[in-house]
Amino acid sequence: FFQKAFSNDSNFKEAAEGIVYLPEDDPTAFERIINWLYRDQLPTYPGKGIKVGLRLKLEKTLIDIFLFAEKYCIEVLANKVMDLLQDIHFGDNTIPYFVHVKFVYSNSHDKSKLRLYLAATACYLFSFAKEGIEIENTRSYSKLPREVPDYGADVTEIQYELGFMIK
């Protein structure tokens, strides 16, 4: 996206001005992407046993970065962020927070890989929930399909397509 926007061969005004405006995007997420571009650094996961408040904040930061990377086709970054999100959830035996599921479904397109991950995580929860899996509120999760119909449809589709594997 940025290469095309600033290319001398493009008709974009950004190429002529040397400036791109991103009014819809989170400045903090953009700052973290710049940090990744120049330093190859992402927020770090301190490891197993992370406190709930810190995990909530870290998960939201990573979701913001992922959505930005997905929107602007920065696949390498999106994959690294997805790996980190999985490390957090598997490392602490947790699933994404209810509020984050709602946020992702409100701020992503219907083919988003993050949506697929969230729906697959729900299938895992409902099929293999180990004792001790941390869920902020199981009842909230059971109500999610009504509040976010696309989420319910995605979960149902995964269960239908992979039902034999889930069982």
N, C-alpha and C. Protein backbone atom coordinates (compact mmCIF):
# COMPACT_ATOMS: atom_id res chain seq x y z
N PHE A 1 0.83 -1.20 0.00
CA PHE A 1 0.00 0.00 0.00
C PHE A 1 0.87 1.25 0.00
N PHE A 2 1.80 1.33 0.97
CA PHE A 2 2.62 2.53 1.09
C PHE A 2 3.58 2.66 -0.09
N GLN A 3 4.08 1.55 -0.57
CA GLN A 3 4.97 1.59 -1.73
C GLN A 3 4.24 2.17 -2.93
N LYS A 4 3.01 1.73 -3.15
CA LYS A 4 2.22 2.26 -4.27
C LYS A 4 1.85 3.71 -4.04
N ALA A 5 1.49 4.04 -2.82
CA ALA A 5 1.06 5.41 -2.52
C ALA A 5 2.18 6.42 -2.78
N PHE A 6 3.42 6.04 -2.48
CA PHE A 6 4.53 6.97 -2.62
C PHE A 6 5.33 6.80 -3.90
N SER A 7 4.95 5.85 -4.73
CA SER A 7 5.67 5.60 -5.97
C SER A 7 5.52 6.77 -6.93
N ASN A 8 6.60 7.11 -7.59
CA ASN A 8 6.56 8.20 -8.59
C ASN A 8 5.67 7.86 -9.76
N ASP A 9 5.44 6.56 -9.97
CA ASP A 9 4.60 6.11 -11.08
C ASP A 9 3.10 6.15 -10.76
N SER A 10 2.78 6.43 -9.51
CA SER A 10 1.37 6.40 -9.12
C SER A 10 0.70 7.76 -9.34
N ASN A 11 -0.59 7.71 -9.37
CA ASN A 11 -1.38 8.93 -9.50
C ASN A 11 -1.88 9.43 -8.16
N PHE A 12 -1.41 8.79 -7.08
CA PHE A 12 -1.85 9.19 -5.75
C PHE A 12 -1.27 10.55 -5.39
N LYS A 13 -2.05 11.34 -4.68
CA LYS A 13 -1.56 12.65 -4.24
C LYS A 13 -0.42 12.50 -3.22
N GLU A 14 -0.40 11.35 -2.52
CA GLU A 14 0.66 11.11 -1.55
C GLU A 14 2.04 11.12 -2.20
N ALA A 15 2.12 10.61 -3.44
CA ALA A 15 3.40 10.59 -4.15
C ALA A 15 3.89 12.01 -4.40
N ALA A 16 2.99 12.89 -4.73
CA ALA A 16 3.37 14.28 -5.00
C ALA A 16 3.69 15.04 -3.72
N GLU A 17 2.88 14.82 -2.68
CA GLU A 17 3.06 15.56 -1.43
C GLU A 17 4.10 14.94 -0.49
N GLY A 18 4.28 13.62 -0.60
CA GLY A 18 5.18 12.93 0.31
C GLY A 18 4.57 12.71 1.69
N ILE A 19 3.26 12.84 1.78
CA ILE A 19 2.54 12.69 3.05
C ILE A 19 1.32 11.80 2.81
N VAL A 20 1.05 10.92 3.75
CA VAL A 20 -0.16 10.12 3.71
C VAL A 20 -0.96 10.41 4.98
N TYR A 21 -2.23 10.59 4.83
CA TYR A 21 -3.11 10.83 5.97
C TYR A 21 -3.91 9.56 6.24
N LEU A 22 -3.95 9.17 7.51
CA LEU A 22 -4.67 7.97 7.92
C LEU A 22 -5.63 8.33 9.05
N PRO A 23 -6.65 9.14 8.78
CA PRO A 23 -7.52 9.63 9.85
C PRO A 23 -8.32 8.55 10.56
N GLU A 24 -8.56 7.42 9.90
CA GLU A 24 -9.37 6.37 10.50
C GLU A 24 -8.56 5.43 11.38
N ASP A 25 -7.23 5.55 11.33
CA ASP A 25 -6.38 4.59 12.02
C ASP A 25 -5.88 5.11 13.36
N ASP A 26 -5.66 4.17 14.27
CA ASP A 26 -5.20 4.47 15.61
C ASP A 26 -3.74 4.91 15.59
N PRO A 27 -3.44 6.13 16.05
CA PRO A 27 -2.05 6.62 16.04
C PRO A 27 -1.10 5.75 16.86
N THR A 28 -1.60 5.17 17.95
CA THR A 28 -0.74 4.32 18.77
C THR A 28 -0.36 3.05 18.01
N ALA A 29 -1.31 2.47 17.29
CA ALA A 29 -1.01 1.28 16.49
C ALA A 29 0.00 1.64 15.41
N PHE A 30 -0.17 2.79 14.79
CA PHE A 30 0.77 3.22 13.75
C PHE A 30 2.17 3.42 14.34
N GLU A 31 2.24 3.99 15.52
CA GLU A 31 3.53 4.19 16.19
C GLU A 31 4.21 2.84 16.45
N ARG A 32 3.43 1.85 16.86
CA ARG A 32 4.00 0.52 17.11
C ARG A 32 4.45 -0.14 15.81
N ILE A 33 3.76 0.15 14.72
CA ILE A 33 4.16 -0.41 13.42
C ILE A 33 5.46 0.24 12.96
N ILE A 34 5.59 1.52 13.17
CA ILE A 34 6.85 2.20 12.85
C ILE A 34 7.98 1.60 13.68
N ASN A 35 7.72 1.35 14.95
CA ASN A 35 8.71 0.72 15.82
C ASN A 35 9.10 -0.65 15.28
N TRP A 36 8.12 -1.41 14.80
CA TRP A 36 8.41 -2.71 14.23
C TRP A 36 9.22 -2.58 12.94
N LEU A 37 8.85 -1.61 12.10
CA LEU A 37 9.57 -1.43 10.84
C LEU A 37 11.05 -1.10 11.06
N TYR A 38 11.31 -0.21 12.00
CA TYR A 38 12.68 0.25 12.21
C TYR A 38 13.48 -0.59 13.19
N ARG A 39 12.81 -1.20 14.15
CA ARG A 39 13.54 -1.94 15.21
C ARG A 39 13.20 -3.42 15.27
N ASP A 40 12.23 -3.85 14.46
CA ASP A 40 11.77 -5.23 14.48
C ASP A 40 11.32 -5.65 15.88
N GLN A 41 10.60 -4.74 16.56
CA GLN A 41 10.13 -5.01 17.91
C GLN A 41 8.61 -4.88 17.99
N LEU A 42 8.03 -5.82 18.66
CA LEU A 42 6.61 -5.79 18.99
C LEU A 42 6.49 -5.78 20.50
N PRO A 43 5.31 -5.43 21.02
CA PRO A 43 5.13 -5.55 22.48
C PRO A 43 5.46 -6.97 22.89
N THR A 44 6.04 -7.12 24.05
CA THR A 44 6.46 -8.46 24.48
C THR A 44 5.46 -9.09 25.43
N TYR A 45 5.36 -10.39 25.31
CA TYR A 45 4.55 -11.21 26.21
C TYR A 45 5.48 -11.67 27.32
N PRO A 46 5.23 -11.21 28.56
CA PRO A 46 6.15 -11.54 29.65
C PRO A 46 6.14 -13.01 30.06
N GLY A 47 5.22 -13.77 29.55
CA GLY A 47 5.19 -15.21 29.86
C GLY A 47 4.01 -15.60 30.71
N LYS A 48 3.97 -16.87 30.99
CA LYS A 48 2.87 -17.47 31.73
C LYS A 48 2.58 -16.73 33.03
N GLY A 49 1.31 -16.59 33.33
CA GLY A 49 0.91 -15.98 34.59
C GLY A 49 0.78 -14.47 34.52
N ILE A 50 0.64 -13.93 33.34
CA ILE A 50 0.48 -12.49 33.17
C ILE A 50 -0.79 -12.02 33.87
N LYS A 51 -0.74 -10.89 34.52
CA LYS A 51 -1.91 -10.36 35.24
C LYS A 51 -3.00 -9.98 34.24
N VAL A 52 -4.24 -10.11 34.67
CA VAL A 52 -5.40 -9.90 33.80
C VAL A 52 -5.38 -8.51 33.15
N GLY A 53 -5.15 -7.48 33.93
CA GLY A 53 -5.15 -6.12 33.39
C GLY A 53 -4.09 -5.92 32.32
N LEU A 54 -2.92 -6.47 32.55
CA LEU A 54 -1.83 -6.35 31.59
C LEU A 54 -2.13 -7.17 30.33
N ARG A 55 -2.71 -8.35 30.51
CA ARG A 55 -3.06 -9.18 29.36
C ARG A 55 -4.15 -8.52 28.53
N LEU A 56 -5.12 -7.93 29.19
CA LEU A 56 -6.19 -7.22 28.49
C LEU A 56 -5.62 -6.10 27.63
N LYS A 57 -4.72 -5.33 28.19
CA LYS A 57 -4.10 -4.22 27.46
C LYS A 57 -3.21 -4.73 26.32
N LEU A 58 -2.40 -5.74 26.59
CA LEU A 58 -1.51 -6.30 25.57
C LEU A 58 -2.31 -6.89 24.42
N GLU A 59 -3.35 -7.64 24.74
CA GLU A 59 -4.20 -8.25 23.71
C GLU A 59 -4.83 -7.17 22.83
N LYS A 60 -5.33 -6.10 23.43
CA LYS A 60 -5.95 -5.01 22.65
C LYS A 60 -4.92 -4.33 21.76
N THR A 61 -3.72 -4.10 22.28
CA THR A 61 -2.65 -3.49 21.49
C THR A 61 -2.32 -4.36 20.28
N LEU A 62 -2.20 -5.66 20.50
CA LEU A 62 -1.88 -6.57 19.40
C LEU A 62 -3.01 -6.64 18.39
N ILE A 63 -4.24 -6.59 18.84
CA ILE A 63 -5.38 -6.59 17.92
C ILE A 63 -5.34 -5.32 17.06
N ASP A 64 -5.07 -4.18 17.67
CA ASP A 64 -4.97 -2.93 16.91
C ASP A 64 -3.88 -3.02 15.84
N ILE A 65 -2.74 -3.56 16.21
CA ILE A 65 -1.63 -3.70 15.25
C ILE A 65 -2.03 -4.66 14.14
N PHE A 66 -2.65 -5.78 14.51
CA PHE A 66 -3.06 -6.76 13.50
C PHE A 66 -4.03 -6.14 12.50
N LEU A 67 -5.04 -5.44 13.01
CA LEU A 67 -6.04 -4.85 12.11
C LEU A 67 -5.41 -3.84 11.16
N PHE A 68 -4.46 -3.06 11.66
CA PHE A 68 -3.75 -2.11 10.81
C PHE A 68 -2.94 -2.86 9.75
N ALA A 69 -2.20 -3.87 10.18
CA ALA A 69 -1.37 -4.65 9.26
C ALA A 69 -2.23 -5.34 8.20
N GLU A 70 -3.35 -5.87 8.61
CA GLU A 70 -4.24 -6.55 7.67
C GLU A 70 -4.83 -5.55 6.67
N LYS A 71 -5.22 -4.40 7.16
CA LYS A 71 -5.81 -3.37 6.30
C LYS A 71 -4.84 -2.90 5.22
N TYR A 72 -3.56 -2.79 5.59
CA TYR A 72 -2.56 -2.28 4.65
C TYR A 72 -1.67 -3.38 4.08
N CYS A 73 -2.14 -4.62 4.19
CA CYS A 73 -1.49 -5.78 3.56
C CYS A 73 -0.03 -5.96 3.98
N ILE A 74 0.24 -5.81 5.26
CA ILE A 74 1.57 -6.06 5.80
C ILE A 74 1.52 -7.45 6.43
N GLU A 75 1.57 -8.47 5.57
CA GLU A 75 1.32 -9.85 5.99
C GLU A 75 2.35 -10.37 6.99
N VAL A 76 3.60 -10.01 6.82
CA VAL A 76 4.64 -10.48 7.74
C VAL A 76 4.32 -10.02 9.16
N LEU A 77 3.94 -8.77 9.30
CA LEU A 77 3.59 -8.24 10.61
C LEU A 77 2.33 -8.91 11.16
N ALA A 78 1.32 -9.05 10.33
CA ALA A 78 0.07 -9.70 10.78
C ALA A 78 0.36 -11.11 11.28
N ASN A 79 1.21 -11.85 10.60
CA ASN A 79 1.55 -13.21 11.03
C ASN A 79 2.30 -13.22 12.36
N LYS A 80 3.21 -12.28 12.53
CA LYS A 80 3.95 -12.20 13.80
C LYS A 80 3.02 -11.87 14.97
N VAL A 81 2.10 -10.96 14.72
CA VAL A 81 1.15 -10.59 15.77
C VAL A 81 0.23 -11.77 16.10
N MET A 82 -0.21 -12.48 15.07
CA MET A 82 -1.06 -13.65 15.31
C MET A 82 -0.31 -14.70 16.13
N ASP A 83 0.95 -14.91 15.83
CA ASP A 83 1.75 -15.86 16.61
C ASP A 83 1.81 -15.43 18.07
N LEU A 84 1.99 -14.15 18.30
CA LEU A 84 2.08 -13.63 19.66
C LEU A 84 0.74 -13.79 20.40
N LEU A 85 -0.36 -13.50 19.72
CA LEU A 85 -1.68 -13.69 20.33
C LEU A 85 -1.89 -15.16 20.72
N GLN A 86 -1.50 -16.06 19.84
CA GLN A 86 -1.64 -17.49 20.15
C GLN A 86 -0.76 -17.88 21.33
N ASP A 87 0.45 -17.34 21.37
CA ASP A 87 1.34 -17.62 22.51
C ASP A 87 0.69 -17.21 23.83
N ILE A 88 0.06 -16.04 23.82
CA ILE A 88 -0.60 -15.55 25.03
C ILE A 88 -1.74 -16.47 25.44
N HIS A 89 -2.60 -16.81 24.49
CA HIS A 89 -3.77 -17.63 24.81
C HIS A 89 -3.40 -19.05 25.20
N PHE A 90 -2.47 -19.67 24.47
CA PHE A 90 -2.07 -21.03 24.82
C PHE A 90 -1.19 -21.05 26.05
N GLY A 91 -0.33 -20.06 26.17
CA GLY A 91 0.59 -20.01 27.31
C GLY A 91 -0.12 -19.85 28.64
N ASP A 92 -1.18 -19.04 28.64
CA ASP A 92 -1.91 -18.80 29.88
C ASP A 92 -3.24 -19.56 29.95
N ASN A 93 -3.46 -20.45 28.96
CA ASN A 93 -4.69 -21.24 28.93
C ASN A 93 -5.91 -20.33 29.00
N THR A 94 -5.91 -19.35 28.12
CA THR A 94 -7.01 -18.37 28.06
C THR A 94 -7.57 -18.32 26.66
N ILE A 95 -8.63 -17.57 26.51
CA ILE A 95 -9.19 -17.28 25.20
C ILE A 95 -9.32 -15.77 25.09
N PRO A 96 -9.51 -15.25 23.88
CA PRO A 96 -9.63 -13.79 23.72
C PRO A 96 -10.79 -13.25 24.56
N TYR A 97 -10.60 -12.05 25.04
CA TYR A 97 -11.62 -11.41 25.85
C TYR A 97 -12.88 -11.11 25.03
N PHE A 98 -14.01 -11.25 25.69
CA PHE A 98 -15.33 -10.97 25.12
C PHE A 98 -15.36 -9.61 24.42
N VAL A 99 -14.86 -8.57 25.10
CA VAL A 99 -14.89 -7.21 24.53
C VAL A 99 -14.02 -7.13 23.29
N HIS A 100 -12.96 -7.92 23.22
CA HIS A 100 -12.09 -7.90 22.06
C HIS A 100 -12.74 -8.58 20.86
N VAL A 101 -13.49 -9.63 21.13
CA VAL A 101 -14.22 -10.30 20.05
C VAL A 101 -15.20 -9.30 19.42
N LYS A 102 -15.94 -8.59 20.25
CA LYS A 102 -16.89 -7.60 19.74
C LYS A 102 -16.15 -6.50 18.96
N PHE A 103 -15.02 -6.06 19.48
CA PHE A 103 -14.25 -5.01 18.82
C PHE A 103 -13.75 -5.46 17.45
N VAL A 104 -13.21 -6.67 17.38
CA VAL A 104 -12.68 -7.18 16.10
C VAL A 104 -13.80 -7.29 15.08
N TYR A 105 -14.94 -7.82 15.48
CA TYR A 105 -16.04 -7.97 14.53
C TYR A 105 -16.64 -6.62 14.12
N SER A 106 -16.45 -5.61 14.90
CA SER A 106 -16.92 -4.27 14.54
C SER A 106 -15.93 -3.52 13.66
N ASN A 107 -14.68 -3.97 13.66
CA ASN A 107 -13.63 -3.19 12.99
C ASN A 107 -12.81 -3.98 11.98
N SER A 108 -13.37 -5.08 11.48
CA SER A 108 -12.64 -5.87 10.48
C SER A 108 -13.59 -6.32 9.39
N HIS A 109 -13.00 -6.79 8.31
CA HIS A 109 -13.82 -7.29 7.19
C HIS A 109 -14.18 -8.75 7.43
N ASP A 110 -15.16 -9.24 6.71
CA ASP A 110 -15.69 -10.57 7.02
C ASP A 110 -14.76 -11.72 6.64
N LYS A 111 -13.66 -11.48 5.96
CA LYS A 111 -12.69 -12.54 5.64
C LYS A 111 -11.41 -12.39 6.47
N SER A 112 -11.46 -11.58 7.51
CA SER A 112 -10.30 -11.33 8.34
C SER A 112 -9.79 -12.61 9.00
N LYS A 113 -8.49 -12.80 8.96
CA LYS A 113 -7.89 -13.97 9.61
C LYS A 113 -8.06 -13.91 11.12
N LEU A 114 -8.16 -12.71 11.66
CA LEU A 114 -8.36 -12.58 13.10
C LEU A 114 -9.76 -13.06 13.48
N ARG A 115 -10.74 -12.79 12.64
CA ARG A 115 -12.09 -13.32 12.89
C ARG A 115 -12.06 -14.84 12.89
N LEU A 116 -11.37 -15.41 11.93
CA LEU A 116 -11.26 -16.87 11.85
C LEU A 116 -10.63 -17.43 13.12
N TYR A 117 -9.58 -16.78 13.59
CA TYR A 117 -8.91 -17.22 14.82
C TYR A 117 -9.87 -17.15 16.01
N LEU A 118 -10.61 -16.06 16.14
CA LEU A 118 -11.53 -15.92 17.27
C LEU A 118 -12.63 -16.98 17.24
N ALA A 119 -13.16 -17.24 16.04
CA ALA A 119 -14.20 -18.26 15.92
C ALA A 119 -13.64 -19.65 16.20
N ALA A 120 -12.44 -19.92 15.72
CA ALA A 120 -11.81 -21.23 15.96
C ALA A 120 -11.52 -21.41 17.45
N THR A 121 -11.13 -20.32 18.10
CA THR A 121 -10.86 -20.38 19.54
C THR A 121 -12.14 -20.73 20.30
N ALA A 122 -13.26 -20.18 19.86
CA ALA A 122 -14.54 -20.50 20.50
C ALA A 122 -14.88 -21.98 20.30
N CYS A 123 -14.62 -22.50 19.10
CA CYS A 123 -14.88 -23.92 18.85
C CYS A 123 -14.01 -24.78 19.77
N TYR A 124 -12.78 -24.36 19.95
CA TYR A 124 -11.89 -25.07 20.86
C TYR A 124 -12.46 -25.04 22.28
N LEU A 125 -12.88 -23.86 22.69
CA LEU A 125 -13.44 -23.70 24.03
C LEU A 125 -14.62 -24.63 24.25
N PHE A 126 -15.55 -24.62 23.31
CA PHE A 126 -16.77 -25.40 23.49
C PHE A 126 -16.53 -26.91 23.34
N SER A 127 -15.48 -27.29 22.63
CA SER A 127 -15.23 -28.71 22.39
C SER A 127 -14.21 -29.34 23.32
N PHE A 128 -13.20 -28.58 23.69
CA PHE A 128 -12.09 -29.16 24.45
C PHE A 128 -11.79 -28.42 25.74
N ALA A 129 -12.67 -27.57 26.17
CA ALA A 129 -12.35 -26.73 27.34
C ALA A 129 -11.77 -27.56 28.46
N LYS A 130 -10.52 -27.31 28.73
CA LYS A 130 -9.85 -27.99 29.83
C LYS A 130 -10.29 -27.34 31.12
N GLU A 131 -10.21 -28.09 32.18
CA GLU A 131 -10.51 -27.47 33.46
C GLU A 131 -9.49 -26.38 33.70
N GLY A 132 -9.95 -25.29 34.20
CA GLY A 132 -9.04 -24.22 34.53
C GLY A 132 -8.84 -23.20 33.43
N ILE A 133 -9.47 -23.40 32.27
CA ILE A 133 -9.32 -22.40 31.22
C ILE A 133 -9.94 -21.10 31.73
N GLU A 134 -9.20 -20.02 31.57
CA GLU A 134 -9.69 -18.75 32.10
C GLU A 134 -10.64 -18.12 31.08
N ILE A 135 -11.85 -17.92 31.51
CA ILE A 135 -12.86 -17.25 30.70
C ILE A 135 -13.40 -16.13 31.56
N GLU A 136 -13.39 -14.92 30.98
CA GLU A 136 -13.83 -13.78 31.80
C GLU A 136 -15.25 -13.98 32.29
N ASN A 137 -16.11 -14.56 31.45
CA ASN A 137 -17.48 -14.81 31.85
C ASN A 137 -18.12 -15.72 30.80
N THR A 138 -18.28 -16.98 31.14
CA THR A 138 -18.80 -17.95 30.19
C THR A 138 -20.16 -17.54 29.65
N ARG A 139 -20.98 -16.96 30.49
CA ARG A 139 -22.30 -16.51 30.03
C ARG A 139 -22.19 -15.45 28.95
N SER A 140 -21.22 -14.56 29.10
CA SER A 140 -21.00 -13.54 28.06
C SER A 140 -20.71 -14.21 26.72
N TYR A 141 -19.90 -15.26 26.75
CA TYR A 141 -19.58 -15.95 25.51
C TYR A 141 -20.80 -16.62 24.90
N SER A 142 -21.68 -17.14 25.73
CA SER A 142 -22.87 -17.79 25.19
C SER A 142 -23.82 -16.78 24.55
N LYS A 143 -23.73 -15.51 24.95
CA LYS A 143 -24.59 -14.47 24.39
C LYS A 143 -23.97 -13.79 23.17
N LEU A 144 -22.70 -14.02 22.93
CA LEU A 144 -22.02 -13.35 21.82
C LEU A 144 -22.68 -13.56 20.45
N PRO A 145 -23.12 -14.77 20.10
CA PRO A 145 -23.74 -14.94 18.79
C PRO A 145 -24.98 -14.06 18.56
N ARG A 146 -25.70 -13.74 19.63
CA ARG A 146 -26.85 -12.84 19.47
C ARG A 146 -26.39 -11.40 19.29
N GLU A 147 -25.35 -11.02 20.02
CA GLU A 147 -24.85 -9.65 19.95
C GLU A 147 -24.02 -9.40 18.70
N VAL A 148 -23.33 -10.44 18.23
CA VAL A 148 -22.47 -10.31 17.05
C VAL A 148 -22.82 -11.48 16.12
N PRO A 149 -23.87 -11.32 15.31
CA PRO A 149 -24.33 -12.43 14.46
C PRO A 149 -23.26 -13.01 13.54
N ASP A 150 -22.36 -12.18 13.02
CA ASP A 150 -21.30 -12.71 12.15
C ASP A 150 -20.39 -13.67 12.91
N TYR A 151 -20.16 -13.39 14.17
CA TYR A 151 -19.36 -14.27 15.01
C TYR A 151 -20.07 -15.62 15.16
N GLY A 152 -21.35 -15.58 15.46
CA GLY A 152 -22.12 -16.82 15.59
C GLY A 152 -22.10 -17.63 14.30
N ALA A 153 -22.22 -16.93 13.17
CA ALA A 153 -22.18 -17.62 11.87
C ALA A 153 -20.81 -18.24 11.63
N ASP A 154 -19.75 -17.53 11.97
CA ASP A 154 -18.40 -18.06 11.77
C ASP A 154 -18.16 -19.30 12.63
N VAL A 155 -18.58 -19.24 13.89
CA VAL A 155 -18.41 -20.39 14.79
C VAL A 155 -19.18 -21.59 14.25
N THR A 156 -20.41 -21.37 13.83
CA THR A 156 -21.24 -22.44 13.30
C THR A 156 -20.62 -23.04 12.03
N GLU A 157 -20.11 -22.18 11.17
CA GLU A 157 -19.48 -22.65 9.93
C GLU A 157 -18.26 -23.52 10.22
N ILE A 158 -17.43 -23.09 11.16
CA ILE A 158 -16.25 -23.88 11.51
C ILE A 158 -16.67 -25.22 12.10
N GLN A 159 -17.64 -25.19 12.99
CA GLN A 159 -18.10 -26.44 13.59
C GLN A 159 -18.67 -27.38 12.53
N TYR A 160 -19.38 -26.83 11.57
CA TYR A 160 -19.97 -27.64 10.51
C TYR A 160 -18.87 -28.23 9.62
N GLU A 161 -17.92 -27.39 9.20
CA GLU A 161 -16.87 -27.84 8.29
C GLU A 161 -15.87 -28.78 8.96
N LEU A 162 -15.57 -28.55 10.21
CA LEU A 162 -14.53 -29.32 10.88
C LEU A 162 -15.07 -30.16 12.03
N GLY A 163 -16.37 -30.35 12.06
CA GLY A 163 -16.99 -31.04 13.18
C GLY A 163 -16.35 -32.36 13.54
N PHE A 164 -16.02 -33.15 12.55
CA PHE A 164 -15.41 -34.46 12.84
C PHE A 164 -14.04 -34.29 13.46
N MET A 165 -13.33 -33.24 13.09
CA MET A 165 -12.00 -33.00 13.67
C MET A 165 -12.10 -32.45 15.08
N ILE A 166 -13.12 -31.63 15.32
CA ILE A 166 -13.29 -31.03 16.64
C ILE A 166 -13.66 -32.10 17.66
N LYS A 167 -14.54 -33.01 17.25
CA LYS A 167 -14.95 -34.08 18.17
C LYS A 167 -13.81 -35.03 18.41
